[in-house]
Amino acid sequence: MKKLFAIGATLLSITLLFTGCSSSSEGDAATMKEAQPENKEEIAATQEKVVSQKDGDVYYSVGCAKVNEIKAEERVYHRTEQDAIDKGLKRADEC
């Protein structure tokens, strides 16, 4: 019986080791999941440098608070400031 228990405990330990699961990582895994972008706009925001509003005439840096006032479906992301300028946009005074 003790031998069977030892084998079971060993198999469980190996499984947990290779899957990266432990009681302390459950919370970390949830936190990591929350930190990942979930939609196309959020993924773009992590890669792009500036954002403008669809049909707008100015652009903002991605970290600017004014960006939060633009609805997600109205946001247009640009890789660089020069890309935004090339599309006729001007830098916003606010950011």
C-alpha atoms as a PDB file:
ATOM      1  CA  MET A   1       0.000   0.000   0.000  1.00  0.00           C
ATOM      2  CA  LYS A   2       2.809   2.404   0.897  1.00  0.00           C
ATOM      3  CA  LYS A   3       4.582   1.558  -2.355  1.00  0.00           C
ATOM      4  CA  LEU A   4       1.420   2.298  -4.353  1.00  0.00           C
ATOM      5  CA  PHE A   5       0.994   5.610  -2.531  1.00  0.00           C
ATOM      6  CA  ALA A   6       4.632   6.540  -3.216  1.00  0.00           C
ATOM      7  CA  ILE A   7       4.250   5.746  -6.924  1.00  0.00           C
ATOM      8  CA  GLY A   8       1.058   7.819  -7.120  1.00  0.00           C
ATOM      9  CA  ALA A   9       2.668  10.751  -5.331  1.00  0.00           C
ATOM     10  CA  THR A  10       5.693  10.558  -7.623  1.00  0.00           C
ATOM     11  CA  LEU A  11       3.528  10.516 -10.752  1.00  0.00           C
ATOM     12  CA  LEU A  12       1.506  13.455  -9.478  1.00  0.00           C
ATOM     13  CA  SER A  13       4.670  15.413  -8.700  1.00  0.00           C
ATOM     14  CA  ILE A  14       6.097  14.723 -12.155  1.00  0.00           C
ATOM     15  CA  THR A  15       2.832  15.745 -13.802  1.00  0.00           C
ATOM     16  CA  LEU A  16       2.717  19.003 -11.852  1.00  0.00           C
ATOM     17  CA  LEU A  17       6.365  19.675 -12.598  1.00  0.00           C
ATOM     18  CA  PHE A  18       5.971  19.274 -16.353  1.00  0.00           C
ATOM     19  CA  THR A  19       2.677  21.127 -16.651  1.00  0.00           C
ATOM     20  CA  GLY A  20       3.875  24.047 -14.554  1.00  0.00           C
ATOM     21  CA  CYS A  21       0.981  23.715 -12.138  1.00  0.00           C
ATOM     22  CA  SER A  22       1.283  24.355  -8.461  1.00  0.00           C
ATOM     23  CA  SER A  23      -0.932  25.881  -5.839  1.00  0.00           C
ATOM     24  CA  SER A  24       0.984  29.170  -6.012  1.00  0.00           C
ATOM     25  CA  SER A  25       0.889  29.452  -9.819  1.00  0.00           C
ATOM     26  CA  GLU A  26      -2.900  29.382 -10.084  1.00  0.00           C
ATOM     27  CA  GLY A  27      -3.168  33.014  -9.043  1.00  0.00           C
ATOM     28  CA  ASP A  28      -0.181  33.945 -11.184  1.00  0.00           C
ATOM     29  CA  ALA A  29      -1.728  32.244 -14.208  1.00  0.00           C
ATOM     30  CA  ALA A  30      -4.953  34.200 -13.715  1.00  0.00           C
ATOM     31  CA  THR A  31      -3.000  37.441 -13.420  1.00  0.00           C
ATOM     32  CA  MET A  32      -0.979  36.637 -16.517  1.00  0.00           C
ATOM     33  CA  LYS A  33      -4.143  35.885 -18.469  1.00  0.00           C
ATOM     34  CA  GLU A  34      -5.687  39.189 -17.439  1.00  0.00           C
ATOM     35  CA  ALA A  35      -2.587  41.066 -18.560  1.00  0.00           C
ATOM     36  CA  GLN A  36      -2.791  39.662 -22.095  1.00  0.00           C
ATOM     37  CA  PRO A  37      -4.603  41.720 -24.738  1.00  0.00           C
ATOM     38  CA  GLU A  38      -7.928  40.104 -25.583  1.00  0.00           C
ATOM     39  CA  ASN A  39      -9.083  41.815 -28.756  1.00  0.00           C
ATOM     40  CA  LYS A  40      -7.579  43.093 -31.986  1.00  0.00           C
ATOM     41  CA  GLU A  41      -7.541  46.719 -30.854  1.00  0.00           C
ATOM     42  CA  GLU A  42      -5.710  45.918 -27.612  1.00  0.00           C
ATOM     43  CA  ILE A  43      -3.142  43.803 -29.455  1.00  0.00           C
ATOM     44  CA  ALA A  44      -2.595  46.623 -31.916  1.00  0.00           C
ATOM     45  CA  ALA A  45      -2.221  49.095 -29.061  1.00  0.00           C
ATOM     46  CA  THR A  46       0.662  47.094 -27.649  1.00  0.00           C
ATOM     47  CA  GLN A  47       2.477  47.228 -31.000  1.00  0.00           C
ATOM     48  CA  GLU A  48       1.538  50.637 -32.362  1.00  0.00           C
ATOM     49  CA  LYS A  49       2.874  53.993 -31.186  1.00  0.00           C
ATOM     50  CA  VAL A  50       0.079  56.440 -32.016  1.00  0.00           C
ATOM     51  CA  VAL A  51      -3.690  56.368 -32.341  1.00  0.00           C
ATOM     52  CA  SER A  52      -6.244  58.606 -34.011  1.00  0.00           C
ATOM     53  CA  GLN A  53     -10.001  58.678 -34.237  1.00  0.00           C
ATOM     54  CA  LYS A  54     -11.607  57.408 -37.421  1.00  0.00           C
ATOM     55  CA  ASP A  55     -12.274  60.476 -39.606  1.00  0.00           C
ATOM     56  CA  GLY A  56     -10.296  62.597 -37.107  1.00  0.00           C
ATOM     57  CA  ASP A  57      -7.524  65.053 -37.949  1.00  0.00           C
ATOM     58  CA  VAL A  58      -5.177  64.575 -34.966  1.00  0.00           C
ATOM     59  CA  TYR A  59      -3.216  61.700 -33.434  1.00  0.00           C
ATOM     60  CA  TYR A  60      -2.244  60.864 -29.849  1.00  0.00           C
ATOM     61  CA  SER A  61       0.463  58.720 -28.324  1.00  0.00           C
ATOM     62  CA  VAL A  62      -0.976  55.359 -27.249  1.00  0.00           C
ATOM     63  CA  GLY A  63      -0.488  56.188 -23.549  1.00  0.00           C
ATOM     64  CA  CYS A  64      -2.367  59.497 -23.734  1.00  0.00           C
ATOM     65  CA  ALA A  65      -5.459  59.749 -21.512  1.00  0.00           C
ATOM     66  CA  LYS A  66      -7.439  61.280 -24.402  1.00  0.00           C
ATOM     67  CA  VAL A  67      -7.282  57.925 -26.206  1.00  0.00           C
ATOM     68  CA  ASN A  68      -9.632  56.509 -23.553  1.00  0.00           C
ATOM     69  CA  GLU A  69     -12.265  59.000 -24.705  1.00  0.00           C
ATOM     70  CA  ILE A  70     -12.259  57.453 -28.194  1.00  0.00           C
ATOM     71  CA  LYS A  71     -14.557  54.446 -28.568  1.00  0.00           C
ATOM     72  CA  ALA A  72     -12.582  51.283 -29.362  1.00  0.00           C
ATOM     73  CA  GLU A  73     -14.354  50.825 -32.694  1.00  0.00           C
ATOM     74  CA  GLU A  74     -13.430  54.402 -33.686  1.00  0.00           C
ATOM     75  CA  ARG A  75      -9.690  54.020 -32.964  1.00  0.00           C
ATOM     76  CA  VAL A  76      -7.156  53.811 -35.773  1.00  0.00           C
ATOM     77  CA  TYR A  77      -3.665  52.643 -34.783  1.00  0.00           C
ATOM     78  CA  HIS A  78      -0.474  53.740 -36.541  1.00  0.00           C
ATOM     79  CA  ARG A  79       2.987  52.186 -36.161  1.00  0.00           C
ATOM     80  CA  THR A  80       4.836  55.503 -36.091  1.00  0.00           C
ATOM     81  CA  GLU A  81       4.140  59.205 -35.864  1.00  0.00           C
ATOM     82  CA  GLN A  82       5.380  59.506 -39.432  1.00  0.00           C
ATOM     83  CA  ASP A  83       2.707  57.041 -40.597  1.00  0.00           C
ATOM     84  CA  ALA A  84       0.048  59.250 -38.992  1.00  0.00           C
ATOM     85  CA  ILE A  85       1.581  62.403 -40.490  1.00  0.00           C
ATOM     86  CA  ASP A  86       1.684  60.748 -43.920  1.00  0.00           C
ATOM     87  CA  LYS A  87      -2.075  60.217 -43.597  1.00  0.00           C
ATOM     88  CA  GLY A  88      -2.584  63.945 -43.030  1.00  0.00           C
ATOM     89  CA  LEU A  89      -2.908  63.858 -39.246  1.00  0.00           C
ATOM     90  CA  LYS A  90      -1.391  66.399 -36.876  1.00  0.00           C
ATOM     91  CA  ARG A  91      -0.145  65.821 -33.332  1.00  0.00           C
ATOM     92  CA  ALA A  92      -2.803  66.654 -30.733  1.00  0.00           C
ATOM     93  CA  ASP A  93      -1.970  69.503 -28.363  1.00  0.00           C
ATOM     94  CA  GLU A  94      -3.148  67.463 -25.352  1.00  0.00           C
ATOM     95  CA  CYS A  95      -0.452  64.767 -25.625  1.00  0.00           C
END
